[in-house]
Amino acid sequence: MVRGRLWRLSNPALDPAERERLVQQLMTARHAVRMAKGDPDALRAARSSVDAAKRALGERGPPWWTDGAPDYNRRLVGNTPYAGWFETVSAKDTG
């Protein structure tokens, strides 16, 4: 969770070596985004590479889980069934 929003984790079923390769691909793509300032075509290509890496990691796109649970990715936690859980976790952090 970041700033009150739920964010999907990478697929835990990925082979560790494959996950590491994809994370490196993501980092390279993020670097390309930073370097593409002022070049709309390069920026579009770099952002596309970020999206492809995140999809391969399972952080975007169709859910990687198979239990039928809905995907609350990028939603405010207070607007999801996890709101009560978050309140208890937040209370422990401040108490």
N, C-alpha and C. Protein backbone atom coordinates (compact mmCIF):
# COMPACT_ATOMS: atom_id res chain seq x y z
N MET A 1 0.84 -1.16 0.00
CA MET A 1 0.00 0.00 0.00
C MET A 1 0.89 1.23 0.00
N VAL A 2 0.51 2.22 -0.79
CA VAL A 2 1.24 3.47 -0.87
C VAL A 2 0.24 4.61 -0.80
N ARG A 3 0.45 5.50 0.17
CA ARG A 3 -0.42 6.66 0.36
C ARG A 3 -1.90 6.30 0.33
N GLY A 4 -2.26 5.25 1.04
CA GLY A 4 -3.65 4.85 1.17
C GLY A 4 -4.21 4.07 0.01
N ARG A 5 -3.40 3.76 -0.97
CA ARG A 5 -3.85 2.97 -2.12
C ARG A 5 -3.25 1.58 -2.08
N LEU A 6 -4.05 0.61 -2.48
CA LEU A 6 -3.57 -0.76 -2.58
C LEU A 6 -2.84 -0.93 -3.90
N TRP A 7 -1.70 -1.60 -3.86
CA TRP A 7 -0.93 -1.88 -5.06
C TRP A 7 -0.66 -3.37 -5.12
N ARG A 8 -0.85 -3.94 -6.28
CA ARG A 8 -0.68 -5.36 -6.47
C ARG A 8 0.81 -5.74 -6.38
N LEU A 9 1.08 -6.84 -5.73
CA LEU A 9 2.43 -7.38 -5.66
C LEU A 9 2.73 -8.23 -6.89
N SER A 10 3.99 -8.49 -7.11
CA SER A 10 4.39 -9.40 -8.18
C SER A 10 3.84 -10.80 -7.92
N ASN A 11 3.69 -11.55 -8.96
CA ASN A 11 3.20 -12.92 -8.86
C ASN A 11 4.21 -13.77 -8.08
N PRO A 12 3.82 -14.28 -6.92
CA PRO A 12 4.76 -15.07 -6.12
C PRO A 12 5.12 -16.42 -6.75
N ALA A 13 4.39 -16.83 -7.78
CA ALA A 13 4.67 -18.11 -8.43
C ALA A 13 5.79 -17.99 -9.47
N LEU A 14 6.25 -16.77 -9.73
CA LEU A 14 7.34 -16.62 -10.70
C LEU A 14 8.61 -17.29 -10.18
N ASP A 15 9.32 -17.92 -11.09
CA ASP A 15 10.63 -18.47 -10.76
C ASP A 15 11.53 -17.32 -10.31
N PRO A 16 12.29 -17.49 -9.21
CA PRO A 16 13.13 -16.40 -8.71
C PRO A 16 14.07 -15.80 -9.76
N ALA A 17 14.66 -16.62 -10.61
CA ALA A 17 15.55 -16.10 -11.65
C ALA A 17 14.77 -15.27 -12.67
N GLU A 18 13.59 -15.73 -13.03
CA GLU A 18 12.74 -15.00 -13.97
C GLU A 18 12.29 -13.67 -13.36
N ARG A 19 11.91 -13.72 -12.08
CA ARG A 19 11.50 -12.50 -11.39
C ARG A 19 12.65 -11.49 -11.39
N GLU A 20 13.86 -11.94 -11.08
CA GLU A 20 15.02 -11.05 -11.06
C GLU A 20 15.27 -10.45 -12.44
N ARG A 21 15.14 -11.27 -13.49
CA ARG A 21 15.33 -10.77 -14.85
C ARG A 21 14.30 -9.69 -15.18
N LEU A 22 13.05 -9.94 -14.78
CA LEU A 22 11.98 -8.97 -15.05
C LEU A 22 12.15 -7.68 -14.24
N VAL A 23 12.62 -7.81 -13.01
CA VAL A 23 12.88 -6.62 -12.19
C VAL A 23 13.99 -5.79 -12.83
N GLN A 24 15.03 -6.44 -13.32
CA GLN A 24 16.11 -5.71 -14.01
C GLN A 24 15.58 -5.02 -15.27
N GLN A 25 14.70 -5.70 -15.98
CA GLN A 25 14.08 -5.13 -17.17
C GLN A 25 13.27 -3.89 -16.77
N LEU A 26 12.54 -3.98 -15.66
CA LEU A 26 11.74 -2.86 -15.17
C LEU A 26 12.63 -1.68 -14.79
N MET A 27 13.72 -1.95 -14.10
CA MET A 27 14.62 -0.88 -13.69
C MET A 27 15.25 -0.19 -14.91
N THR A 28 15.61 -0.97 -15.92
CA THR A 28 16.16 -0.41 -17.15
C THR A 28 15.11 0.47 -17.84
N ALA A 29 13.88 0.00 -17.88
CA ALA A 29 12.80 0.78 -18.50
C ALA A 29 12.52 2.06 -17.72
N ARG A 30 12.54 2.00 -16.40
CA ARG A 30 12.33 3.21 -15.60
C ARG A 30 13.45 4.22 -15.84
N HIS A 31 14.67 3.73 -15.97
CA HIS A 31 15.79 4.61 -16.27
C HIS A 31 15.58 5.27 -17.63
N ALA A 32 15.10 4.51 -18.59
CA ALA A 32 14.83 5.06 -19.92
C ALA A 32 13.77 6.15 -19.86
N VAL A 33 12.77 6.00 -18.99
CA VAL A 33 11.75 7.04 -18.81
C VAL A 33 12.42 8.33 -18.33
N ARG A 34 13.30 8.21 -17.35
CA ARG A 34 13.99 9.40 -16.83
C ARG A 34 14.85 10.06 -17.90
N MET A 35 15.47 9.26 -18.74
CA MET A 35 16.38 9.77 -19.76
C MET A 35 15.64 10.33 -20.99
N ALA A 36 14.37 10.07 -21.13
CA ALA A 36 13.62 10.44 -22.33
C ALA A 36 13.05 11.85 -22.28
N LYS A 37 13.44 12.63 -21.32
CA LYS A 37 12.91 13.99 -21.20
C LYS A 37 13.08 14.75 -22.51
N GLY A 38 11.99 15.37 -22.96
CA GLY A 38 12.03 16.17 -24.17
C GLY A 38 11.88 15.39 -25.47
N ASP A 39 11.79 14.08 -25.39
CA ASP A 39 11.64 13.25 -26.60
C ASP A 39 10.38 12.41 -26.45
N PRO A 40 9.26 12.92 -26.98
CA PRO A 40 7.97 12.21 -26.80
C PRO A 40 7.98 10.77 -27.31
N ASP A 41 8.67 10.51 -28.40
CA ASP A 41 8.70 9.14 -28.93
C ASP A 41 9.47 8.20 -28.01
N ALA A 42 10.61 8.68 -27.51
CA ALA A 42 11.41 7.87 -26.58
C ALA A 42 10.64 7.66 -25.28
N LEU A 43 9.94 8.70 -24.82
CA LEU A 43 9.16 8.57 -23.59
C LEU A 43 8.04 7.55 -23.76
N ARG A 44 7.36 7.60 -24.87
CA ARG A 44 6.28 6.63 -25.14
C ARG A 44 6.83 5.21 -25.17
N ALA A 45 7.96 5.02 -25.82
CA ALA A 45 8.57 3.68 -25.90
C ALA A 45 9.03 3.21 -24.52
N ALA A 46 9.62 4.12 -23.74
CA ALA A 46 10.09 3.74 -22.40
C ALA A 46 8.92 3.38 -21.49
N ARG A 47 7.86 4.17 -21.56
CA ARG A 47 6.68 3.86 -20.73
C ARG A 47 6.04 2.54 -21.15
N SER A 48 6.08 2.26 -22.43
CA SER A 48 5.57 0.97 -22.91
C SER A 48 6.40 -0.18 -22.36
N SER A 49 7.71 0.03 -22.27
CA SER A 49 8.60 -1.00 -21.70
C SER A 49 8.33 -1.20 -20.21
N VAL A 50 8.06 -0.11 -19.49
CA VAL A 50 7.71 -0.22 -18.07
C VAL A 50 6.44 -1.05 -17.93
N ASP A 51 5.44 -0.72 -18.74
CA ASP A 51 4.16 -1.44 -18.68
C ASP A 51 4.35 -2.92 -18.99
N ALA A 52 5.15 -3.23 -20.00
CA ALA A 52 5.38 -4.64 -20.36
C ALA A 52 6.05 -5.39 -19.22
N ALA A 53 7.02 -4.77 -18.57
CA ALA A 53 7.70 -5.44 -17.45
C ALA A 53 6.75 -5.64 -16.28
N LYS A 54 5.94 -4.63 -15.97
CA LYS A 54 4.99 -4.75 -14.86
C LYS A 54 3.94 -5.83 -15.15
N ARG A 55 3.51 -5.91 -16.40
CA ARG A 55 2.55 -6.96 -16.76
C ARG A 55 3.18 -8.34 -16.63
N ALA A 56 4.42 -8.47 -17.07
CA ALA A 56 5.12 -9.76 -16.96
C ALA A 56 5.31 -10.16 -15.50
N LEU A 57 5.54 -9.18 -14.64
CA LEU A 57 5.69 -9.45 -13.20
C LEU A 57 4.34 -9.75 -12.53
N GLY A 58 3.25 -9.41 -13.20
CA GLY A 58 1.92 -9.63 -12.62
C GLY A 58 1.41 -8.44 -11.84
N GLU A 59 2.10 -7.31 -11.91
CA GLU A 59 1.68 -6.12 -11.17
C GLU A 59 0.58 -5.36 -11.89
N ARG A 60 0.40 -5.63 -13.16
CA ARG A 60 -0.67 -5.04 -13.97
C ARG A 60 -1.27 -6.14 -14.82
N GLY A 61 -2.39 -5.82 -15.43
CA GLY A 61 -3.03 -6.78 -16.32
C GLY A 61 -3.95 -7.71 -15.56
N PRO A 62 -4.28 -8.83 -16.17
CA PRO A 62 -5.19 -9.77 -15.53
C PRO A 62 -4.61 -10.28 -14.21
N PRO A 63 -5.46 -10.50 -13.21
CA PRO A 63 -4.97 -11.03 -11.93
C PRO A 63 -4.26 -12.36 -12.12
N TRP A 64 -3.21 -12.58 -11.35
CA TRP A 64 -2.47 -13.84 -11.41
C TRP A 64 -3.05 -14.87 -10.46
N TRP A 65 -3.91 -14.46 -9.54
CA TRP A 65 -4.51 -15.40 -8.60
C TRP A 65 -5.73 -16.03 -9.24
N THR A 66 -6.10 -17.20 -8.74
CA THR A 66 -7.17 -17.97 -9.38
C THR A 66 -8.35 -18.25 -8.47
N ASP A 67 -8.39 -17.56 -7.32
CA ASP A 67 -9.49 -17.85 -6.39
C ASP A 67 -10.73 -17.01 -6.66
N GLY A 68 -10.71 -16.18 -7.69
CA GLY A 68 -11.88 -15.38 -8.05
C GLY A 68 -12.01 -14.07 -7.28
N ALA A 69 -11.08 -13.80 -6.36
CA ALA A 69 -11.13 -12.55 -5.60
C ALA A 69 -10.95 -11.37 -6.56
N PRO A 70 -11.71 -10.29 -6.32
CA PRO A 70 -11.58 -9.13 -7.21
C PRO A 70 -10.23 -8.44 -7.05
N ASP A 71 -9.88 -7.68 -8.06
CA ASP A 71 -8.63 -6.93 -8.09
C ASP A 71 -8.90 -5.50 -7.63
N TYR A 72 -8.32 -5.10 -6.51
CA TYR A 72 -8.49 -3.75 -5.99
C TYR A 72 -7.25 -2.89 -6.21
N ASN A 73 -6.43 -3.25 -7.19
CA ASN A 73 -5.21 -2.54 -7.49
C ASN A 73 -5.49 -1.05 -7.75
N ARG A 74 -4.68 -0.20 -7.11
CA ARG A 74 -4.73 1.25 -7.24
C ARG A 74 -5.99 1.88 -6.64
N ARG A 75 -6.75 1.15 -5.88
CA ARG A 75 -7.95 1.71 -5.24
C ARG A 75 -7.61 2.20 -3.84
N LEU A 76 -8.29 3.23 -3.41
CA LEU A 76 -8.14 3.70 -2.05
C LEU A 76 -8.60 2.59 -1.11
N VAL A 77 -7.78 2.26 -0.14
CA VAL A 77 -8.09 1.14 0.74
C VAL A 77 -9.42 1.36 1.47
N GLY A 78 -9.74 2.61 1.78
CA GLY A 78 -11.00 2.91 2.47
C GLY A 78 -12.23 2.59 1.65
N ASN A 79 -12.06 2.43 0.34
CA ASN A 79 -13.18 2.11 -0.55
C ASN A 79 -13.20 0.64 -0.94
N THR A 80 -12.51 -0.18 -0.16
CA THR A 80 -12.45 -1.62 -0.46
C THR A 80 -12.84 -2.41 0.80
N PRO A 81 -13.04 -3.70 0.65
CA PRO A 81 -13.32 -4.53 1.81
C PRO A 81 -12.16 -4.60 2.81
N TYR A 82 -10.99 -4.07 2.45
CA TYR A 82 -9.83 -4.09 3.33
C TYR A 82 -9.77 -2.89 4.27
N ALA A 83 -10.76 -2.03 4.25
CA ALA A 83 -10.75 -0.81 5.07
C ALA A 83 -10.62 -1.14 6.55
N GLY A 84 -11.36 -2.10 7.05
CA GLY A 84 -11.29 -2.48 8.46
C GLY A 84 -9.92 -3.02 8.84
N TRP A 85 -9.36 -3.84 7.98
CA TRP A 85 -8.01 -4.36 8.21
C TRP A 85 -7.00 -3.23 8.28
N PHE A 86 -7.11 -2.28 7.37
CA PHE A 86 -6.17 -1.17 7.33
C PHE A 86 -6.25 -0.33 8.60
N GLU A 87 -7.45 -0.14 9.11
CA GLU A 87 -7.60 0.63 10.35
C GLU A 87 -6.87 -0.06 11.51
N THR A 88 -6.96 -1.37 11.58
CA THR A 88 -6.28 -2.07 12.68
C THR A 88 -4.76 -2.02 12.52
N VAL A 89 -4.29 -2.12 11.27
CA VAL A 89 -2.85 -2.05 11.00
C VAL A 89 -2.35 -0.64 11.30
N SER A 90 -3.10 0.38 10.88
CA SER A 90 -2.70 1.77 11.12
C SER A 90 -2.67 2.07 12.60
N ALA A 91 -3.63 1.53 13.36
CA ALA A 91 -3.67 1.76 14.80
C ALA A 91 -2.44 1.18 15.48
N LYS A 92 -1.97 0.02 15.00
CA LYS A 92 -0.77 -0.60 15.58
C LYS A 92 0.47 0.23 15.29
N ASP A 93 0.52 0.85 14.11
CA ASP A 93 1.68 1.65 13.73
C ASP A 93 1.77 2.94 14.55
N THR A 94 0.63 3.50 14.94
CA THR A 94 0.62 4.77 15.66
C THR A 94 0.56 4.56 17.16
N GLY A 95 0.27 3.38 17.61
CA GLY A 95 0.07 3.13 19.03
C GLY A 95 1.18 2.55 19.75
